[in-house]
Amino acid sequence: MNEPQFLTLEESAEVDKALLANHEKFLTRLTISSLKLLKHIAQEEGMAIEDLTPDRVIAWFEKDGKIRREQGVEAAFLKW
């Protein structure tokens, strides 16, 4: 599986061009990346993003962490 790309160069450039303070740009990048990750989690869980709950998100992170520990970083979705 290819490493996930949470923010494209084009998206990052758009954020850079925005009339935002540096901390707002950081939060904007974080929000865009988070939205993409939530979309992935919802798709993997077979549900609408609107139906995700904090418990489901936590369970997904636990599952991905378990995959990383047992099968290695390359088998997990998140590569950190």
N, C-alpha and C. Protein backbone atom coordinates (compact mmCIF):
# COMPACT_ATOMS: atom_id res chain seq x y z
N MET A 1 0.84 -1.17 0.00
CA MET A 1 0.00 0.00 0.00
C MET A 1 0.88 1.24 0.00
N ASN A 2 0.49 2.24 -0.77
CA ASN A 2 1.24 3.48 -0.79
C ASN A 2 1.05 4.23 0.51
N GLU A 3 2.07 4.97 0.87
CA GLU A 3 1.97 5.76 2.09
C GLU A 3 0.89 6.82 1.90
N PRO A 4 0.03 7.01 2.89
CA PRO A 4 -1.04 7.99 2.74
C PRO A 4 -0.49 9.40 2.62
N GLN A 5 -1.13 10.17 1.79
CA GLN A 5 -0.75 11.57 1.63
C GLN A 5 -1.89 12.40 2.19
N PHE A 6 -1.67 13.01 3.32
CA PHE A 6 -2.73 13.72 4.00
C PHE A 6 -2.90 15.14 3.50
N LEU A 7 -1.88 15.72 2.93
CA LEU A 7 -1.96 17.07 2.40
C LEU A 7 -1.09 17.13 1.15
N THR A 8 -1.72 17.41 0.02
CA THR A 8 -0.96 17.47 -1.22
C THR A 8 -0.16 18.77 -1.26
N LEU A 9 0.80 18.81 -2.15
CA LEU A 9 1.58 20.03 -2.32
C LEU A 9 0.69 21.19 -2.76
N GLU A 10 -0.30 20.88 -3.61
CA GLU A 10 -1.22 21.91 -4.08
C GLU A 10 -2.07 22.46 -2.93
N GLU A 11 -2.56 21.56 -2.08
CA GLU A 11 -3.35 21.99 -0.93
C GLU A 11 -2.50 22.83 0.02
N SER A 12 -1.29 22.41 0.25
CA SER A 12 -0.38 23.16 1.12
C SER A 12 -0.12 24.55 0.55
N ALA A 13 0.06 24.62 -0.76
CA ALA A 13 0.28 25.93 -1.41
C ALA A 13 -0.94 26.82 -1.26
N GLU A 14 -2.14 26.24 -1.37
CA GLU A 14 -3.37 27.02 -1.19
C GLU A 14 -3.45 27.57 0.23
N VAL A 15 -3.08 26.76 1.20
CA VAL A 15 -3.08 27.22 2.59
C VAL A 15 -2.06 28.35 2.75
N ASP A 16 -0.89 28.19 2.14
CA ASP A 16 0.15 29.23 2.23
C ASP A 16 -0.34 30.56 1.67
N LYS A 17 -1.14 30.50 0.62
CA LYS A 17 -1.64 31.73 -0.01
C LYS A 17 -2.77 32.39 0.79
N ALA A 18 -3.40 31.65 1.67
CA ALA A 18 -4.52 32.19 2.44
C ALA A 18 -4.06 33.32 3.36
N LEU A 19 -4.95 34.24 3.58
CA LEU A 19 -4.64 35.37 4.46
C LEU A 19 -4.91 34.97 5.90
N LEU A 20 -4.02 34.12 6.40
CA LEU A 20 -4.15 33.56 7.74
C LEU A 20 -2.85 33.74 8.50
N ALA A 21 -2.96 33.83 9.81
CA ALA A 21 -1.77 33.84 10.66
C ALA A 21 -1.14 32.44 10.63
N ASN A 22 0.12 32.35 11.00
CA ASN A 22 0.82 31.06 10.95
C ASN A 22 0.11 29.98 11.76
N HIS A 23 -0.38 30.32 12.95
CA HIS A 23 -1.07 29.30 13.75
C HIS A 23 -2.38 28.87 13.08
N GLU A 24 -3.03 29.77 12.37
CA GLU A 24 -4.25 29.42 11.64
C GLU A 24 -3.93 28.51 10.45
N LYS A 25 -2.81 28.77 9.79
CA LYS A 25 -2.39 27.91 8.69
C LYS A 25 -2.10 26.51 9.20
N PHE A 26 -1.42 26.42 10.35
CA PHE A 26 -1.15 25.10 10.94
C PHE A 26 -2.46 24.37 11.22
N LEU A 27 -3.41 25.04 11.87
CA LEU A 27 -4.69 24.41 12.18
C LEU A 27 -5.46 24.04 10.92
N THR A 28 -5.35 24.84 9.87
CA THR A 28 -6.00 24.52 8.61
C THR A 28 -5.41 23.26 8.00
N ARG A 29 -4.09 23.15 7.98
CA ARG A 29 -3.44 21.94 7.47
C ARG A 29 -3.85 20.71 8.30
N LEU A 30 -3.85 20.87 9.61
CA LEU A 30 -4.24 19.78 10.49
C LEU A 30 -5.69 19.36 10.23
N THR A 31 -6.56 20.30 10.03
CA THR A 31 -7.97 20.01 9.79
C THR A 31 -8.17 19.29 8.47
N ILE A 32 -7.51 19.74 7.42
CA ILE A 32 -7.61 19.07 6.12
C ILE A 32 -7.09 17.64 6.22
N SER A 33 -5.95 17.47 6.86
CA SER A 33 -5.39 16.13 7.04
C SER A 33 -6.31 15.25 7.87
N SER A 34 -6.88 15.80 8.91
CA SER A 34 -7.80 15.04 9.78
C SER A 34 -9.04 14.61 9.01
N LEU A 35 -9.57 15.49 8.19
CA LEU A 35 -10.74 15.15 7.38
C LEU A 35 -10.43 13.96 6.46
N LYS A 36 -9.27 14.00 5.82
CA LYS A 36 -8.89 12.89 4.94
C LYS A 36 -8.75 11.58 5.72
N LEU A 37 -8.16 11.65 6.91
CA LEU A 37 -8.01 10.45 7.73
C LEU A 37 -9.38 9.94 8.18
N LEU A 38 -10.27 10.83 8.59
CA LEU A 38 -11.61 10.41 9.00
C LEU A 38 -12.37 9.77 7.84
N LYS A 39 -12.20 10.30 6.63
CA LYS A 39 -12.83 9.70 5.45
C LYS A 39 -12.30 8.28 5.25
N HIS A 40 -10.99 8.09 5.42
CA HIS A 40 -10.39 6.77 5.28
C HIS A 40 -10.94 5.81 6.33
N ILE A 41 -11.00 6.27 7.57
CA ILE A 41 -11.50 5.42 8.65
C ILE A 41 -12.94 5.02 8.37
N ALA A 42 -13.77 5.97 7.98
CA ALA A 42 -15.17 5.67 7.69
C ALA A 42 -15.29 4.65 6.56
N GLN A 43 -14.51 4.83 5.51
CA GLN A 43 -14.55 3.89 4.39
C GLN A 43 -14.10 2.49 4.85
N GLU A 44 -13.03 2.43 5.60
CA GLU A 44 -12.52 1.14 6.08
C GLU A 44 -13.52 0.46 7.02
N GLU A 45 -14.24 1.25 7.79
CA GLU A 45 -15.22 0.72 8.73
C GLU A 45 -16.57 0.47 8.05
N GLY A 46 -16.71 0.88 6.80
CA GLY A 46 -17.95 0.66 6.06
C GLY A 46 -19.11 1.49 6.57
N MET A 47 -18.81 2.73 6.91
CA MET A 47 -19.86 3.59 7.44
C MET A 47 -19.69 5.01 6.93
N ALA A 48 -20.73 5.80 7.08
CA ALA A 48 -20.65 7.21 6.70
C ALA A 48 -19.80 7.94 7.72
N ILE A 49 -19.08 8.94 7.26
CA ILE A 49 -18.22 9.71 8.15
C ILE A 49 -19.05 10.33 9.27
N GLU A 50 -20.28 10.70 8.97
CA GLU A 50 -21.16 11.30 9.98
C GLU A 50 -21.48 10.34 11.12
N ASP A 51 -21.34 9.04 10.86
CA ASP A 51 -21.66 8.04 11.87
C ASP A 51 -20.48 7.66 12.74
N LEU A 52 -19.29 8.19 12.43
CA LEU A 52 -18.13 7.91 13.27
C LEU A 52 -18.33 8.54 14.64
N THR A 53 -17.91 7.83 15.64
CA THR A 53 -17.95 8.33 17.01
C THR A 53 -16.52 8.36 17.54
N PRO A 54 -16.27 9.10 18.60
CA PRO A 54 -14.92 9.07 19.18
C PRO A 54 -14.48 7.64 19.52
N ASP A 55 -15.39 6.82 20.03
CA ASP A 55 -15.04 5.43 20.35
C ASP A 55 -14.60 4.66 19.11
N ARG A 56 -15.29 4.88 17.98
CA ARG A 56 -14.92 4.17 16.74
C ARG A 56 -13.56 4.63 16.24
N VAL A 57 -13.29 5.92 16.35
CA VAL A 57 -12.00 6.46 15.90
C VAL A 57 -10.89 5.90 16.79
N ILE A 58 -11.10 5.88 18.09
CA ILE A 58 -10.10 5.33 19.01
C ILE A 58 -9.86 3.86 18.70
N ALA A 59 -10.92 3.10 18.48
CA ALA A 59 -10.79 1.67 18.15
C ALA A 59 -9.99 1.49 16.87
N TRP A 60 -10.22 2.36 15.89
CA TRP A 60 -9.48 2.25 14.63
C TRP A 60 -7.98 2.50 14.88
N PHE A 61 -7.65 3.53 15.67
CA PHE A 61 -6.25 3.81 15.98
C PHE A 61 -5.61 2.64 16.74
N GLU A 62 -6.37 2.04 17.65
CA GLU A 62 -5.85 0.88 18.37
C GLU A 62 -5.58 -0.28 17.41
N LYS A 63 -6.49 -0.49 16.48
CA LYS A 63 -6.33 -1.56 15.49
C LYS A 63 -5.11 -1.30 14.61
N ASP A 64 -4.96 -0.06 14.14
CA ASP A 64 -3.82 0.27 13.29
C ASP A 64 -2.51 0.13 14.07
N GLY A 65 -2.52 0.53 15.34
CA GLY A 65 -1.33 0.38 16.18
C GLY A 65 -0.97 -1.09 16.39
N LYS A 66 -1.99 -1.92 16.57
CA LYS A 66 -1.75 -3.36 16.75
C LYS A 66 -1.14 -3.96 15.48
N ILE A 67 -1.65 -3.56 14.34
CA ILE A 67 -1.08 -4.02 13.06
C ILE A 67 0.38 -3.61 12.97
N ARG A 68 0.68 -2.36 13.34
CA ARG A 68 2.06 -1.87 13.27
C ARG A 68 2.97 -2.68 14.19
N ARG A 69 2.49 -2.97 15.40
CA ARG A 69 3.32 -3.73 16.35
C ARG A 69 3.52 -5.17 15.91
N GLU A 70 2.47 -5.79 15.39
CA GLU A 70 2.52 -7.22 15.05
C GLU A 70 3.07 -7.50 13.66
N GLN A 71 2.81 -6.61 12.70
CA GLN A 71 3.18 -6.88 11.32
C GLN A 71 4.22 -5.91 10.76
N GLY A 72 4.51 -4.87 11.51
CA GLY A 72 5.48 -3.89 11.05
C GLY A 72 4.83 -2.65 10.51
N VAL A 73 5.61 -1.58 10.47
CA VAL A 73 5.10 -0.28 10.09
C VAL A 73 4.53 -0.26 8.67
N GLU A 74 5.09 -1.04 7.78
CA GLU A 74 4.62 -1.04 6.39
C GLU A 74 3.21 -1.63 6.24
N ALA A 75 2.80 -2.48 7.16
CA ALA A 75 1.47 -3.08 7.10
C ALA A 75 0.39 -2.14 7.64
N ALA A 76 0.79 -1.20 8.46
CA ALA A 76 -0.17 -0.26 9.06
C ALA A 76 -0.51 0.86 8.09
N PHE A 77 -1.64 1.52 8.30
CA PHE A 77 -2.01 2.65 7.46
C PHE A 77 -1.16 3.86 7.80
N LEU A 78 -1.05 4.16 9.09
CA LEU A 78 -0.24 5.28 9.54
C LEU A 78 1.21 4.83 9.65
N LYS A 79 2.11 5.59 9.10
CA LYS A 79 3.52 5.17 8.99
C LYS A 79 4.42 5.81 10.03
N TRP A 80 3.88 6.33 11.10
CA TRP A 80 4.74 6.92 12.13
C TRP A 80 4.85 6.06 13.34
